């Protein structure tokens, strides 16, 4: 007989906050200017939405579970072997598959401090230890510190380049030195979610390392420079045994037909990606200068966002500043979950929106009406 008073099934990670999207409860967010999620303000390339819509006309049919045409399009663009590519429901799914394939309770997953929070989440989900290596000045990745923390239980080393939330780019020579010194039992995962915004050699070298090394994997996404965040589409390239392991673990049909069609169209529209990157570079420089002039400490970024610390003496915390800005119609990201409580991450947007936001941030920095902790 069933004991109705007995507890039900218990999840292993009940107490963890397994999310990369902090909530803003109690604030009407409709109509806000979205500068918090690093979305592409220029949108997808012409033809991408049309390709997705055309594919949706056959929504009653299963899509190609192998993503063969999409993998060929990616391979042709980057000069890769399509047999060494696996596609995912965003690159985050692929990072999660890495954890499932290579880590177990008692193992370690290593990454630099203040890295993309998904890296720690991957470790937590598997019951592995999330191990951080300290950074150098200016949030620079310290290759020696990473290597010092590699041990017999290290299974995966995640390196985002450029990194989120700092925007810092790791020089190509440092990435190669890390790959050269890493023990063979550790999988080096080079997360290139923002590679299109960085120096061309950053993404090119990552793919070259994954082509020649048995323990290097590259992940990429269509969410950022391609302007396809809602499509949830990503891909990984690496050694055939690693790709086979991820392919065996992914869900059957993990990438829908409209997303595949949109990805193929996007790969053929590299001029749009170049325009997106150029816009991000120019507007990032403008925003960085405005914030620095208002007293914010600004980290040089190679992505489509800027990380800035509230000026010393500011009466608001990062979380409070984010709530104040949200109430005024502007969404930016707080970073307390990255152990950066006084820092704001601001996506590069349209100039008119950023001008108004910069004015509000300057008021916060200067203790004006928007900076008054008692203001509503």
Protein backbone atom coordinates (compact mmCIF):
# COMPACT_ATOMS: atom_id res chain seq x y z
CA UNK A 1 0.00 0.00 0.00
CA UNK A 2 1.26 3.48 -0.87
CA UNK A 3 2.50 5.62 2.00
CA UNK A 4 0.94 8.97 1.07
CA UNK A 5 2.98 10.75 3.71
CA UNK A 6 6.33 9.64 2.27
CA UNK A 7 8.42 12.22 0.38
CA UNK A 8 8.55 11.96 -3.40
CA UNK A 9 11.61 11.66 -5.60
CA UNK A 10 14.42 14.00 -4.60
CA UNK A 11 16.55 15.82 -7.20
CA UNK A 12 20.29 15.83 -6.64
CA UNK A 13 20.68 19.56 -7.30
CA UNK A 14 17.60 20.85 -5.53
CA UNK A 15 19.42 23.71 -3.81
CA UNK A 16 21.30 25.04 -6.86
CA UNK A 17 20.16 27.98 -8.96
CA UNK A 18 20.77 26.45 -12.35
CA UNK A 19 20.16 29.49 -14.52
CA UNK A 20 22.13 32.12 -16.39
CA UNK A 21 19.22 34.59 -16.46
CA UNK A 22 18.68 36.53 -13.19
CA UNK A 23 15.08 37.54 -12.57
CA UNK A 24 13.69 41.00 -11.93
CA UNK A 25 10.50 40.38 -9.96
CA UNK A 26 7.96 43.11 -9.40
CA UNK A 27 8.94 45.31 -12.34
CA UNK A 28 6.93 45.68 -15.54
CA UNK A 29 9.46 44.80 -18.24
CA UNK A 30 7.17 45.29 -21.22
CA UNK A 31 8.57 47.85 -23.63
CA UNK A 32 12.00 47.97 -21.99
CA UNK A 33 15.19 48.46 -24.00
CA UNK A 34 16.95 45.10 -23.82
CA UNK A 35 20.67 45.62 -23.18
CA UNK A 36 21.11 42.74 -20.73
CA UNK A 37 21.28 39.52 -22.77
CA UNK A 38 23.89 40.33 -25.44
CA UNK A 39 21.34 39.97 -28.20
CA UNK A 40 22.13 41.27 -31.67
CA UNK A 41 20.31 44.59 -32.04
CA UNK A 42 20.63 44.47 -35.84
CA UNK A 43 18.67 41.24 -35.95
CA UNK A 44 19.24 38.29 -38.31
CA UNK A 45 20.32 38.65 -41.92
CA UNK A 46 17.69 39.20 -44.59
CA UNK A 47 16.37 35.82 -45.69
CA UNK A 48 16.90 34.06 -42.37
CA UNK A 49 13.37 34.56 -41.04
CA UNK A 50 11.95 33.72 -44.46
CA UNK A 51 13.90 30.44 -44.55
CA UNK A 52 12.59 29.52 -41.11
CA UNK A 53 9.03 30.37 -42.13
CA UNK A 54 9.28 28.26 -45.27
CA UNK A 55 10.51 25.31 -43.23
CA UNK A 56 7.66 25.79 -40.76
CA UNK A 57 5.21 25.07 -43.58
CA UNK A 58 6.22 21.41 -43.25
CA UNK A 59 6.10 21.40 -39.45
CA UNK A 60 4.19 18.11 -39.55
CA UNK A 61 7.34 16.38 -40.87
CA UNK A 62 10.37 15.48 -38.79
CA UNK A 63 13.50 17.45 -39.64
CA UNK A 64 16.78 15.77 -40.56
CA UNK A 65 18.04 14.44 -37.24
CA UNK A 66 21.64 14.55 -38.51
CA UNK A 67 21.53 18.23 -39.58
CA UNK A 68 23.48 17.14 -42.66
CA UNK A 69 22.80 20.20 -44.84
CA UNK A 70 23.50 22.59 -41.98
CA UNK A 71 26.74 20.83 -41.11
CA UNK A 72 27.82 21.04 -44.76
CA UNK A 73 27.07 24.78 -44.82
CA UNK A 74 29.12 25.34 -41.66
CA UNK A 75 31.95 23.17 -42.97
CA UNK A 76 32.10 24.99 -46.31
CA UNK A 77 32.23 28.36 -44.60
CA UNK A 78 35.10 27.41 -42.27
CA UNK A 79 36.94 24.78 -44.32
CA UNK A 80 36.09 21.93 -41.95
CA UNK A 81 35.17 18.26 -42.20
CA UNK A 82 31.36 18.09 -41.79
CA UNK A 83 31.76 14.66 -40.22
CA UNK A 84 33.50 16.32 -37.28
CA UNK A 85 30.65 18.77 -36.56
CA UNK A 86 27.69 18.23 -34.26
CA UNK A 87 24.80 20.68 -33.97
CA UNK A 88 22.92 21.53 -30.81
CA UNK A 89 20.01 23.39 -29.29
CA UNK A 90 22.26 26.38 -28.74
CA UNK A 91 25.91 25.97 -27.79
CA UNK A 92 24.83 25.63 -24.15
CA UNK A 93 23.38 22.19 -24.94
CA UNK A 94 26.75 21.19 -26.36
CA UNK A 95 28.58 22.40 -23.24
CA UNK A 96 26.16 20.34 -21.17
CA UNK A 97 26.83 17.29 -23.35
CA UNK A 98 30.55 17.71 -22.69
CA UNK A 99 29.89 17.43 -18.96
CA UNK A 100 27.66 14.39 -19.42
CA UNK A 101 30.23 12.67 -21.61
CA UNK A 102 33.42 13.42 -19.70
CA UNK A 103 32.68 14.23 -16.04
CA UNK A 104 31.37 12.24 -13.12
CA UNK A 105 30.99 12.89 -9.37
CA UNK A 106 34.43 13.40 -7.89
CA UNK A 107 35.90 14.75 -11.12
CA UNK A 108 36.86 18.39 -11.69
CA UNK A 109 35.88 20.89 -14.34
CA UNK A 110 38.30 23.80 -14.55
CA UNK A 111 37.89 27.33 -15.91
CA UNK A 112 39.20 30.86 -15.24
CA UNK A 113 37.53 32.92 -12.52
CA UNK A 114 34.61 35.11 -13.62
CA UNK A 115 33.93 32.88 -16.61
CA UNK A 116 30.61 32.11 -18.27
CA UNK A 117 28.46 30.77 -15.43
CA UNK A 118 27.31 27.82 -17.56
CA UNK A 119 30.71 26.22 -16.99
CA UNK A 120 30.05 25.90 -13.26
CA UNK A 121 26.49 24.78 -13.96
CA UNK A 122 27.80 21.94 -16.12
CA UNK A 123 29.94 20.77 -13.21
CA UNK A 124 27.12 21.06 -10.67
CA UNK A 125 24.75 19.06 -12.85
CA UNK A 126 27.21 16.19 -12.97
CA UNK A 127 28.19 16.36 -9.30
CA UNK A 128 31.72 17.34 -10.33
CA UNK A 129 33.76 20.06 -8.65
CA UNK A 130 33.78 23.47 -10.34
CA UNK A 131 37.38 24.70 -10.02
CA UNK A 132 38.33 28.32 -10.76
CA UNK A 133 41.80 29.60 -11.57
CA UNK A 134 42.65 33.19 -10.61
CA UNK A 135 42.98 35.88 -13.25
CA UNK A 136 45.69 38.43 -13.87
CA UNK A 137 45.29 42.22 -13.89
CA UNK A 138 42.37 43.55 -15.89
CA UNK A 139 40.62 40.16 -15.80
CA UNK A 140 43.29 38.71 -18.10
CA UNK A 141 43.39 34.92 -18.29
CA UNK A 142 46.47 33.52 -16.53
CA UNK A 143 47.58 30.41 -18.42
CA UNK A 144 50.05 29.39 -15.71
CA UNK A 145 47.36 29.62 -13.03
CA UNK A 146 45.13 27.35 -15.10
CA UNK A 147 47.89 24.79 -15.61
CA UNK A 148 48.77 24.87 -11.91
CA UNK A 149 45.23 23.71 -11.10
CA UNK A 150 45.18 20.81 -13.52
CA UNK A 151 45.31 17.54 -11.62
CA UNK A 152 44.53 13.84 -12.05
CA UNK A 153 40.80 14.50 -11.48
CA UNK A 154 40.58 17.31 -14.04
CA UNK A 155 38.47 16.14 -16.96
CA UNK A 156 37.46 19.35 -18.77
CA UNK A 157 38.94 22.82 -19.08
CA UNK A 158 36.48 25.42 -20.37
CA UNK A 159 37.87 28.61 -21.89
CA UNK A 160 35.53 31.23 -23.36
CA UNK A 161 37.29 33.48 -25.84
CA UNK A 162 36.24 36.27 -25.69
CA UNK A 163 34.89 35.69 -22.22
CA UNK A 164 31.45 36.46 -20.87
CA UNK A 165 30.87 38.58 -18.75
CA UNK A 166 34.25 40.34 -18.92
CA UNK A 167 34.61 40.61 -22.70
CA UNK A 168 38.34 39.90 -22.38
CA UNK A 169 40.03 38.18 -25.33
CA UNK A 170 42.79 35.61 -24.75
CA UNK A 171 45.69 36.14 -27.19
CA UNK A 172 46.17 33.35 -29.73
CA UNK A 173 49.69 32.64 -28.46
CA UNK A 174 48.36 32.03 -24.93
CA UNK A 175 45.65 29.66 -26.16
CA UNK A 176 48.21 27.63 -28.07
CA UNK A 177 50.55 27.54 -25.06
CA UNK A 178 47.69 26.25 -22.94
CA UNK A 179 46.83 23.57 -25.50
CA UNK A 180 50.50 22.55 -25.79
CA UNK A 181 50.93 22.12 -22.03
CA UNK A 182 47.60 20.50 -21.20
CA UNK A 183 47.74 16.78 -20.29
CA UNK A 184 46.15 14.43 -22.81
CA UNK A 185 43.43 13.31 -20.37
CA UNK A 186 41.92 16.82 -20.18
CA UNK A 187 39.48 18.03 -22.85
CA UNK A 188 40.06 21.70 -23.70
CA UNK A 189 36.76 23.30 -24.75
CA UNK A 190 37.17 26.64 -26.52
CA UNK A 191 33.82 28.40 -26.28
CA UNK A 192 33.65 30.81 -29.20
CA UNK A 193 30.18 32.26 -28.64
CA UNK A 194 31.59 35.76 -29.29
CA UNK A 195 34.36 34.81 -31.72
CA UNK A 196 32.87 36.81 -34.58
CA UNK A 197 33.45 40.03 -32.62
CA UNK A 198 37.10 39.28 -31.83
CA UNK A 199 40.28 39.32 -33.89
CA UNK A 200 39.91 36.91 -36.85
CA UNK A 201 42.88 34.82 -35.72
CA UNK A 202 41.11 34.05 -32.43
CA UNK A 203 38.40 31.96 -34.06
CA UNK A 204 40.64 30.63 -36.81
CA UNK A 205 43.26 29.32 -34.40
CA UNK A 206 40.65 27.67 -32.20
CA UNK A 207 39.32 25.70 -35.16
CA UNK A 208 42.87 24.84 -36.26
CA UNK A 209 43.69 23.47 -32.81
CA UNK A 210 40.51 21.39 -32.79
CA UNK A 211 41.42 20.04 -36.23
CA UNK A 212 44.87 18.86 -35.16
CA UNK A 213 44.60 17.96 -31.48
CA UNK A 214 42.84 14.90 -29.98
CA UNK A 215 41.70 16.83 -26.88
CA UNK A 216 40.49 20.22 -28.20
CA UNK A 217 36.84 21.02 -28.96
CA UNK A 218 35.37 24.31 -30.26
CA UNK A 219 31.79 25.42 -29.61
CA UNK A 220 30.07 28.21 -31.53
CA UNK A 221 26.61 29.74 -31.58
CA UNK A 222 24.17 31.48 -33.93
CA UNK A 223 22.71 33.47 -31.02
CA UNK A 224 25.06 36.45 -30.99
CA UNK A 225 26.62 37.78 -34.19
CA UNK A 226 24.11 35.91 -36.36
CA UNK A 227 21.16 37.44 -34.49
CA UNK A 228 19.31 34.15 -33.99
CA UNK A 229 19.02 33.84 -30.20
CA UNK A 230 15.42 32.59 -30.31
CA UNK A 231 16.33 29.80 -32.74
CA UNK A 232 18.54 28.07 -30.14
CA UNK A 233 21.19 26.87 -32.58
CA UNK A 234 24.84 26.06 -32.02
CA UNK A 235 27.56 23.73 -33.25
CA UNK A 236 30.78 22.10 -32.13
CA UNK A 237 33.86 20.97 -34.06
CA UNK A 238 36.54 18.66 -32.80
CA UNK A 239 38.19 15.25 -32.92
CA UNK A 240 36.01 12.52 -34.39
CA UNK A 241 35.84 10.48 -31.14
CA UNK A 242 34.74 13.53 -29.15
CA UNK A 243 32.11 14.49 -31.73
CA UNK A 244 30.86 10.90 -31.77
CA UNK A 245 30.50 10.93 -27.98
CA UNK A 246 28.48 14.15 -28.04
CA UNK A 247 26.40 12.95 -30.98
CA UNK A 248 25.48 9.78 -29.10
CA UNK A 249 24.25 11.77 -26.08
CA UNK A 250 22.26 14.52 -27.76
CA UNK A 251 18.51 14.27 -28.09
CA UNK A 252 17.16 12.86 -31.34
CA UNK A 253 15.88 15.79 -33.34
CA UNK A 254 17.48 18.30 -30.95
CA UNK A 255 17.54 20.93 -33.72
CA UNK A 256 14.20 21.69 -35.36
CA UNK A 257 13.65 22.16 -39.07
CA UNK A 258 13.10 25.94 -39.00
CA UNK A 259 16.32 26.42 -37.01
CA UNK A 260 18.28 24.28 -39.47
CA UNK A 261 16.90 26.22 -42.44
CA UNK A 262 17.64 29.53 -40.74
CA UNK A 263 21.19 28.43 -39.97
CA UNK A 264 21.86 27.50 -43.59
CA UNK A 265 20.57 30.88 -44.74
CA UNK A 266 22.65 32.67 -42.11
CA UNK A 267 25.87 30.93 -43.14
CA UNK A 268 25.38 32.34 -46.64
CA UNK A 269 25.01 35.90 -45.32
CA UNK A 270 28.50 36.64 -44.01
CA UNK A 271 28.24 40.26 -45.08
CA UNK A 272 25.58 40.74 -42.44
CA UNK A 273 27.82 39.17 -39.78
CA UNK A 274 30.60 41.59 -40.78
CA UNK A 275 28.21 44.54 -40.40
CA UNK A 276 27.12 43.29 -36.99
CA UNK A 277 30.74 43.00 -35.85
CA UNK A 278 31.63 46.46 -37.19
CA UNK A 279 28.62 48.01 -35.46
CA UNK A 280 29.56 46.34 -32.18
CA UNK A 281 33.15 47.55 -32.41
CA UNK A 282 32.23 51.17 -33.08
CA UNK A 283 29.41 51.41 -30.53
CA UNK A 284 31.39 49.51 -27.90
CA UNK A 285 34.14 52.14 -28.16
CA UNK A 286 31.58 54.94 -27.86
CA UNK A 287 29.86 53.42 -24.83
CA UNK A 288 33.17 52.65 -23.11
CA UNK A 289 34.28 56.26 -23.50
CA UNK A 290 31.00 57.63 -22.14
CA UNK A 291 31.11 55.35 -19.12
CA UNK A 292 34.76 56.13 -18.40
CA UNK A 293 33.99 59.85 -18.55
CA UNK A 294 31.25 59.32 -15.94
CA UNK A 295 33.71 57.64 -13.55
CA UNK A 296 33.02 53.99 -14.32
CA UNK A 297 35.92 51.54 -14.55
CA UNK A 298 35.57 49.90 -17.97
CA UNK A 299 37.19 46.64 -19.05
CA UNK A 300 38.41 46.60 -22.69
CA UNK A 301 36.01 44.23 -24.47
CA UNK A 302 36.27 42.16 -27.64
CA UNK A 303 32.57 41.18 -27.60
CA UNK A 304 29.24 42.93 -28.14
CA UNK A 305 29.00 44.21 -24.58
CA UNK A 306 30.88 46.24 -22.01
CA UNK A 307 31.62 45.37 -18.36
CA UNK A 308 31.80 48.46 -16.16
CA UNK A 309 32.17 48.96 -12.39
CA UNK A 310 30.11 51.55 -10.58
CA UNK A 311 32.25 54.48 -9.42
CA UNK A 312 33.67 54.40 -5.92
CA UNK A 313 31.31 56.05 -3.50
CA UNK A 314 28.22 55.25 -5.56
CA UNK A 315 25.30 54.75 -3.17
CA UNK A 316 23.80 51.91 -5.22
CA UNK A 317 24.92 48.32 -5.52
CA UNK A 318 24.97 46.68 -8.92
CA UNK A 319 21.67 44.91 -8.24
CA UNK A 320 20.04 48.14 -7.05
CA UNK A 321 21.30 50.02 -10.10
CA UNK A 322 19.90 47.34 -12.40
CA UNK A 323 16.50 47.57 -10.72
CA UNK A 324 16.55 51.36 -10.92
CA UNK A 325 17.38 51.23 -14.63
CA UNK A 326 14.76 48.53 -15.27
CA UNK A 327 12.08 50.66 -13.67
CA UNK A 328 13.15 53.46 -16.02
CA UNK A 329 12.89 51.18 -19.06
CA UNK A 330 16.46 49.92 -19.57
CA UNK A 331 17.60 46.36 -18.93
CA UNK A 332 21.26 45.75 -18.14
CA UNK A 333 22.77 42.80 -16.29
CA UNK A 334 23.94 42.71 -12.70
CA UNK A 335 26.82 40.36 -11.93
CA UNK A 336 26.58 39.39 -8.27
CA UNK A 337 26.29 35.75 -9.40
CA UNK A 338 29.72 36.18 -11.01
CA UNK A 339 31.08 37.54 -7.69
CA UNK A 340 31.18 41.00 -9.29
CA UNK A 341 28.51 42.82 -7.26
CA UNK A 342 29.49 46.36 -8.29
CA UNK A 343 29.78 45.64 -12.01
CA UNK A 344 27.23 46.05 -14.80
CA UNK A 345 27.30 44.22 -18.12
CA UNK A 346 25.76 46.33 -20.87
CA UNK A 347 25.03 45.04 -24.36
CA UNK A 348 25.98 47.29 -27.25
CA UNK A 349 22.74 48.64 -28.71
CA UNK A 350 21.44 51.37 -30.96
CA UNK A 351 23.14 54.72 -30.38
CA UNK A 352 19.96 56.60 -29.40
CA UNK A 353 19.12 54.01 -26.73
CA UNK A 354 22.68 53.99 -25.42
CA UNK A 355 22.79 57.77 -25.23
CA UNK A 356 19.73 57.83 -22.99
CA UNK A 357 21.07 54.94 -20.91
CA UNK A 358 24.47 56.62 -20.58
CA UNK A 359 22.78 59.77 -19.28
CA UNK A 360 20.99 57.73 -16.60
CA UNK A 361 24.18 55.93 -15.67
CA UNK A 362 25.99 59.24 -15.36
CA UNK A 363 23.22 60.45 -13.04
CA UNK A 364 23.60 57.30 -10.94
CA UNK A 365 27.34 57.85 -10.77
CA UNK A 366 26.90 61.50 -9.82
CA UNK A 367 24.17 61.01 -7.24
CA UNK A 368 21.49 62.75 -9.31
CA UNK A 369 17.78 61.83 -9.26
CA UNK A 370 18.39 58.45 -10.85
CA UNK A 371 21.18 57.84 -8.37
CA UNK A 372 19.24 58.71 -5.25
CA UNK A 373 18.69 55.40 -3.37
CA UNK A 374 15.39 56.75 -2.07
CA UNK A 375 14.06 57.72 -5.51
CA UNK A 376 11.32 55.72 -7.17
